Amino acid sequence: MKVSVLMPTYNHAATIGQAINSFLMQQTDFPCELLISDDASSDDTASIAKTYAEKHPDRIRLFVKPSNESLMKNYKSLLEKAQGQYLAILESDDYWTDERKLAKQVEFLDLHPDFGLSFTRWQRLRDGEFQLSGDETPILESHNHQLYEYLLLRNIIFSPTVCFRKALFDKYCSIADYVDLRFATFDYPVWLSIAKHAKIHYLADNTAVYRVSSTSISNSGDLDKRLGFEYETARIRRYIIQKYGSGSLKISQISKREKIVRARICFRSGNFGRGILEIFR
């Protein structure tokens, strides 16, 4: 198997069909599989996924959990079943827009063994409106494709755009740690771990839509939830630094950046007092 696409899902009956169809439209000359793990959804997510799996048994494998666990445990179960040389992520509320997304990334990674991960441009979909991401080419060029230190300050890689080597994940990433530490997000520690040990490829093509949900902790309108997510991101950052160091960055630089981000969140929400407190925390 060349590529295993991971799709953890929970209560996404309204969007999972579009996500699966965007996988099925991929045009490749290599085998790829879609692994769907439903975390005991209470809506029709599992039945919709089952319909697709029954129609495409050679391309889609569905696993339904008897009880709800967690996003990280859902990822763990998918990773244990993945057979691909490469991994891609397609959460069930996102979707791909380029039918050659996987083909382009695999072609590059096959030809460049010193690169561990490929990511692309993407569109944000919020309240029915699309917004195209910025072109990250200058950042990649200025960092000579080594993004570790930059990513410690700012995450520019979004999960539906990636394709990465499973061998690097197996060597440098610990999903068991992510579960035990109850990380709020799977992608950020993976990007950092791979960026520390391999070059990162950027494809300036727009290949995916990242759907902004009001229930997502990283995009919530609730100030406490958004700040909580930023503190969780900082916790992941500390975990990675403990394992792989901070490069040429000083811890004080990273801490300053974290305070600024949290303060901006407060200011944009109109809570200026809380923003000041975050700066001097």
Protein backbone atom coordinates (compact mmCIF):
# COMPACT_ATOMS: atom_id res chain seq x y z
CA MET A 1 0.00 0.00 0.00
CA LYS A 2 1.35 3.40 -0.97
CA VAL A 3 -0.87 5.80 1.02
CA SER A 4 -3.12 5.34 4.03
CA VAL A 5 -5.56 8.19 4.56
CA LEU A 6 -6.69 8.58 8.17
CA MET A 7 -10.23 9.79 8.87
CA PRO A 8 -11.23 9.89 12.54
CA THR A 9 -14.86 10.92 12.84
CA TYR A 10 -17.51 11.75 15.39
CA ASN A 11 -20.98 13.19 14.69
CA HIS A 12 -20.16 14.51 11.23
CA ALA A 13 -23.15 13.14 9.32
CA ALA A 14 -23.59 16.46 7.51
CA THR A 15 -20.05 16.57 6.11
CA ILE A 16 -18.54 13.07 5.98
CA GLY A 17 -19.99 12.26 2.55
CA GLN A 18 -18.24 15.23 0.96
CA ALA A 19 -14.99 14.25 2.67
CA ILE A 20 -15.18 10.64 1.46
CA ASN A 21 -16.07 11.71 -2.09
CA SER A 22 -13.00 13.94 -2.16
CA PHE A 23 -10.89 10.87 -1.40
CA LEU A 24 -12.64 8.76 -4.02
CA MET A 25 -11.98 11.38 -6.71
CA GLN A 26 -8.21 11.12 -6.23
CA GLN A 27 -6.46 10.07 -9.43
CA THR A 28 -3.36 8.02 -8.69
CA ASP A 29 -1.35 5.25 -10.31
CA PHE A 30 -0.65 3.70 -6.91
CA PRO A 31 -2.91 2.01 -4.35
CA CYS A 32 -4.30 4.07 -1.49
CA GLU A 33 -6.74 3.26 1.29
CA LEU A 34 -9.14 5.32 3.36
CA LEU A 35 -9.38 4.23 6.98
CA ILE A 36 -12.43 5.58 8.80
CA SER A 37 -12.83 5.18 12.54
CA ASP A 38 -16.14 6.30 14.02
CA ASP A 39 -15.94 7.14 17.71
CA ALA A 40 -19.46 5.94 18.57
CA SER A 41 -21.31 8.79 16.86
CA SER A 42 -24.85 9.48 18.04
CA ASP A 43 -25.99 10.62 14.57
CA ASP A 44 -25.91 8.89 11.15
CA THR A 45 -22.16 9.28 10.60
CA ALA A 46 -21.40 5.56 10.88
CA SER A 47 -24.26 4.46 8.62
CA ILE A 48 -23.24 6.95 5.93
CA ALA A 49 -19.64 5.75 6.12
CA LYS A 50 -20.83 2.13 5.98
CA THR A 51 -22.67 2.79 2.72
CA TYR A 52 -19.46 4.05 1.12
CA ALA A 53 -17.36 1.23 2.57
CA GLU A 54 -19.74 -1.39 1.17
CA LYS A 55 -19.61 0.21 -2.29
CA HIS A 56 -15.79 0.52 -2.26
CA PRO A 57 -14.46 -2.40 -0.16
CA ASP A 58 -11.15 -2.32 -2.03
CA ARG A 59 -10.51 1.32 -1.08
CA ILE A 60 -12.34 2.02 2.20
CA ARG A 61 -12.14 0.27 5.56
CA LEU A 62 -14.56 1.29 8.30
CA PHE A 63 -14.18 0.70 12.03
CA VAL A 64 -16.92 1.63 14.50
CA LYS A 65 -16.13 1.90 18.19
CA PRO A 66 -18.75 0.56 20.64
CA SER A 67 -18.24 3.52 23.01
CA ASN A 68 -16.82 7.00 22.72
CA GLU A 69 -13.15 7.26 23.61
CA SER A 70 -11.24 10.35 22.43
CA LEU A 71 -9.79 11.90 19.29
CA MET A 72 -6.28 10.80 20.21
CA LYS A 73 -7.31 7.20 20.90
CA ASN A 74 -9.20 7.24 17.61
CA TYR A 75 -6.02 8.28 15.81
CA LYS A 76 -4.10 5.56 17.64
CA SER A 77 -6.46 2.85 16.41
CA LEU A 78 -6.20 4.15 12.84
CA LEU A 79 -2.40 4.24 12.94
CA GLU A 80 -2.31 0.64 14.15
CA LYS A 81 -4.25 -0.39 11.04
CA ALA A 82 -2.49 1.81 8.46
CA GLN A 83 -0.51 -0.14 5.86
CA GLY A 84 0.74 2.71 3.68
CA GLN A 85 4.26 3.91 3.07
CA TYR A 86 2.82 7.41 3.40
CA LEU A 87 0.11 8.82 5.65
CA ALA A 88 -2.39 11.56 4.88
CA ILE A 89 -5.06 13.08 7.11
CA LEU A 90 -8.60 13.88 6.06
CA GLU A 91 -10.83 14.60 9.02
CA SER A 92 -14.50 14.18 8.22
CA ASP A 93 -15.42 17.86 8.30
CA ASP A 94 -12.72 18.81 5.77
CA TYR A 95 -12.38 17.84 2.11
CA TRP A 96 -9.95 17.85 -0.81
CA THR A 97 -10.50 19.95 -3.93
CA ASP A 98 -7.60 18.78 -6.13
CA GLU A 99 -8.04 15.33 -7.67
CA ARG A 100 -4.25 14.96 -7.96
CA LYS A 101 -3.44 16.11 -4.45
CA LEU A 102 -2.01 12.78 -3.32
CA ALA A 103 -0.37 12.05 -6.68
CA LYS A 104 1.58 15.32 -6.67
CA GLN A 105 2.81 14.89 -3.12
CA VAL A 106 3.79 11.24 -3.46
CA GLU A 107 5.62 11.95 -6.71
CA PHE A 108 7.71 14.61 -4.98
CA LEU A 109 8.42 12.57 -1.84
CA ASP A 110 9.39 9.50 -3.88
CA LEU A 111 11.96 11.58 -5.76
CA HIS A 112 13.28 13.42 -2.68
CA PRO A 113 14.02 11.01 0.19
CA ASP A 114 15.45 13.81 2.36
CA PHE A 115 11.96 15.37 2.59
CA GLY A 116 9.66 13.90 5.21
CA LEU A 117 6.41 15.81 4.76
CA SER A 118 4.58 17.71 2.05
CA PHE A 119 1.86 20.31 2.66
CA THR A 120 -0.09 22.68 0.45
CA ARG A 121 -2.20 25.82 0.33
CA TRP A 122 -5.76 25.49 1.54
CA GLN A 123 -9.02 27.38 1.91
CA ARG A 124 -10.82 28.16 5.14
CA LEU A 125 -14.60 27.76 5.02
CA ARG A 126 -16.38 29.80 7.66
CA ASP A 127 -20.10 30.64 7.60
CA GLY A 128 -20.36 29.79 3.91
CA GLU A 129 -17.43 32.01 2.88
CA PHE A 130 -14.08 30.82 1.53
CA GLN A 131 -10.73 32.41 2.33
CA LEU A 132 -7.55 31.26 0.60
CA SER A 133 -4.50 30.80 2.78
CA GLY A 134 -1.37 32.82 2.21
CA ASP A 135 1.45 31.53 0.01
CA GLU A 136 4.11 30.08 2.31
CA THR A 137 6.82 29.84 -0.41
CA PRO A 138 8.94 32.72 1.00
CA ILE A 139 8.95 31.10 4.44
CA LEU A 140 10.09 27.75 3.07
CA GLU A 141 12.79 29.35 0.95
CA SER A 142 14.10 31.52 3.78
CA HIS A 143 14.32 28.49 6.07
CA ASN A 144 15.86 26.24 3.41
CA HIS A 145 12.88 23.88 3.88
CA GLN A 146 13.84 23.36 7.55
CA LEU A 147 10.86 24.64 9.50
CA TYR A 148 11.35 23.30 13.01
CA GLU A 149 12.16 26.58 14.73
CA TYR A 150 9.55 28.52 12.77
CA LEU A 151 6.88 25.96 13.67
CA LEU A 152 7.77 26.30 17.35
CA LEU A 153 6.55 29.89 17.04
CA ARG A 154 3.73 29.50 14.53
CA ASN A 155 1.97 26.50 13.02
CA ILE A 156 1.40 27.06 9.30
CA ILE A 157 0.61 23.44 8.35
CA PHE A 158 -3.03 22.35 8.27
CA SER A 159 -3.94 18.69 8.54
CA PRO A 160 -6.00 18.12 5.35
CA THR A 161 -3.05 19.35 3.25
CA VAL A 162 -0.38 16.93 4.42
CA CYS A 163 1.23 13.73 3.21
CA PHE A 164 4.13 12.35 5.24
CA ARG A 165 6.35 9.31 5.61
CA LYS A 166 5.03 6.67 7.99
CA ALA A 167 8.59 5.53 8.74
CA LEU A 168 9.41 8.96 10.17
CA PHE A 169 6.23 8.97 12.21
CA ASP A 170 7.03 5.54 13.62
CA LYS A 171 10.58 6.60 14.48
CA TYR A 172 10.06 10.05 15.98
CA CYS A 173 6.40 10.33 17.06
CA SER A 174 4.75 8.57 19.99
CA ILE A 175 0.98 8.28 19.71
CA ALA A 176 1.08 6.46 23.08
CA ASP A 177 2.52 9.63 24.64
CA TYR A 178 -0.12 11.77 22.93
CA VAL A 179 -2.85 9.58 24.41
CA ASP A 180 -1.34 9.43 27.89
CA LEU A 181 -0.75 13.20 27.96
CA ARG A 182 -4.25 13.84 26.56
CA PHE A 183 -3.06 16.19 23.86
CA ALA A 184 -5.85 18.28 22.35
CA THR A 185 -4.52 17.94 18.82
CA PHE A 186 -2.73 15.24 16.87
CA ASP A 187 -1.15 17.26 14.10
CA TYR A 188 1.08 19.82 15.84
CA PRO A 189 3.41 17.37 17.65
CA VAL A 190 3.69 15.33 14.44
CA TRP A 191 4.67 18.32 12.29
CA LEU A 192 7.26 19.44 14.83
CA SER A 193 8.77 15.97 15.22
CA ILE A 194 9.10 15.42 11.47
CA ALA A 195 10.36 18.96 10.81
CA LYS A 196 13.15 18.41 13.33
CA HIS A 197 14.46 15.39 11.43
CA ALA A 198 13.64 15.99 7.76
CA LYS A 199 13.02 18.70 5.20
CA ILE A 200 9.50 19.95 4.57
CA HIS A 201 8.05 20.37 1.07
CA TYR A 202 5.51 23.05 0.25
CA LEU A 203 3.22 22.77 -2.75
CA ALA A 204 1.72 26.17 -3.59
CA ASP A 205 -1.38 24.56 -5.14
CA ASN A 206 -4.69 24.93 -3.32
CA THR A 207 -5.77 21.34 -2.60
CA ALA A 208 -8.07 21.32 0.44
CA VAL A 209 -10.82 23.03 2.40
CA TYR A 210 -10.49 23.36 6.15
CA ARG A 211 -13.93 23.82 7.62
CA VAL A 212 -14.09 26.15 10.64
CA SER A 213 -16.62 24.82 13.11
CA SER A 214 -18.08 26.69 16.05
CA THR A 215 -17.60 23.52 18.12
CA SER A 216 -13.89 23.27 17.36
CA ILE A 217 -11.83 24.23 20.39
CA SER A 218 -9.24 26.01 18.25
CA ASN A 219 -11.89 28.18 16.58
CA SER A 220 -14.42 28.57 19.34
CA GLY A 221 -15.97 31.95 20.03
CA ASP A 222 -15.67 31.12 23.73
CA LEU A 223 -12.68 33.05 25.10
CA ASP A 224 -11.89 30.50 27.81
CA LYS A 225 -11.95 27.65 25.29
CA ARG A 226 -9.65 29.47 22.87
CA LEU A 227 -7.22 30.36 25.62
CA GLY A 228 -7.39 26.78 26.85
CA PHE A 229 -6.41 25.57 23.39
CA GLU A 230 -3.44 27.95 23.34
CA TYR A 231 -2.28 26.61 26.69
CA GLU A 232 -2.65 23.07 25.32
CA THR A 233 -0.57 24.04 22.29
CA ALA A 234 2.10 25.42 24.61
CA ARG A 235 2.08 22.14 26.53
CA ILE A 236 2.70 20.23 23.30
CA ARG A 237 5.50 22.65 22.45
CA ARG A 238 7.18 22.01 25.81
CA TYR A 239 6.92 18.28 25.28
CA ILE A 240 8.64 18.52 21.89
CA ILE A 241 11.35 20.86 23.19
CA GLN A 242 12.08 18.45 26.00
CA LYS A 243 12.62 15.71 23.43
CA TYR A 244 14.33 17.59 20.62
CA GLY A 245 15.42 20.98 21.97
CA SER A 246 14.56 24.49 20.79
CA GLY A 247 17.31 24.89 18.19
CA SER A 248 18.67 28.42 18.12
CA LEU A 249 15.55 29.80 19.79
CA LYS A 250 15.62 30.79 23.43
CA ILE A 251 12.84 29.61 25.69
CA SER A 252 12.19 33.24 26.55
CA GLN A 253 11.47 33.96 22.86
CA ILE A 254 8.95 31.15 22.73
CA SER A 255 7.29 32.21 25.99
CA LYS A 256 7.04 35.81 24.76
CA ARG A 257 5.37 34.65 21.55
CA GLU A 258 2.87 32.55 23.50
CA LYS A 259 1.92 35.50 25.71
CA ILE A 260 1.45 37.77 22.68
CA VAL A 261 -0.85 35.23 20.98
CA ARG A 262 -3.00 34.83 24.09
CA ALA A 263 -3.18 38.59 24.59
CA ARG A 264 -4.31 39.10 20.98
CA ILE A 265 -7.10 36.57 21.46
CA CYS A 266 -8.30 38.53 24.50
CA PHE A 267 -8.05 41.91 22.80
CA ARG A 268 -9.97 40.71 19.74
CA SER A 269 -12.72 39.41 22.00
CA GLY A 270 -12.93 42.82 23.71
CA ASN A 271 -11.52 41.60 27.01
CA PHE A 272 -8.62 44.05 27.38
CA GLY A 273 -8.14 43.41 31.08
CA ARG A 274 -7.64 39.70 30.50
CA GLY A 275 -5.24 40.51 27.66
CA ILE A 276 -3.04 42.58 29.93
CA LEU A 277 -3.04 39.82 32.50
CA GLU A 278 -1.93 37.29 29.86
CA ILE A 279 1.00 39.53 28.88
CA PHE A 280 2.27 39.75 32.45
CA ARG A 281 1.34 36.23 33.54
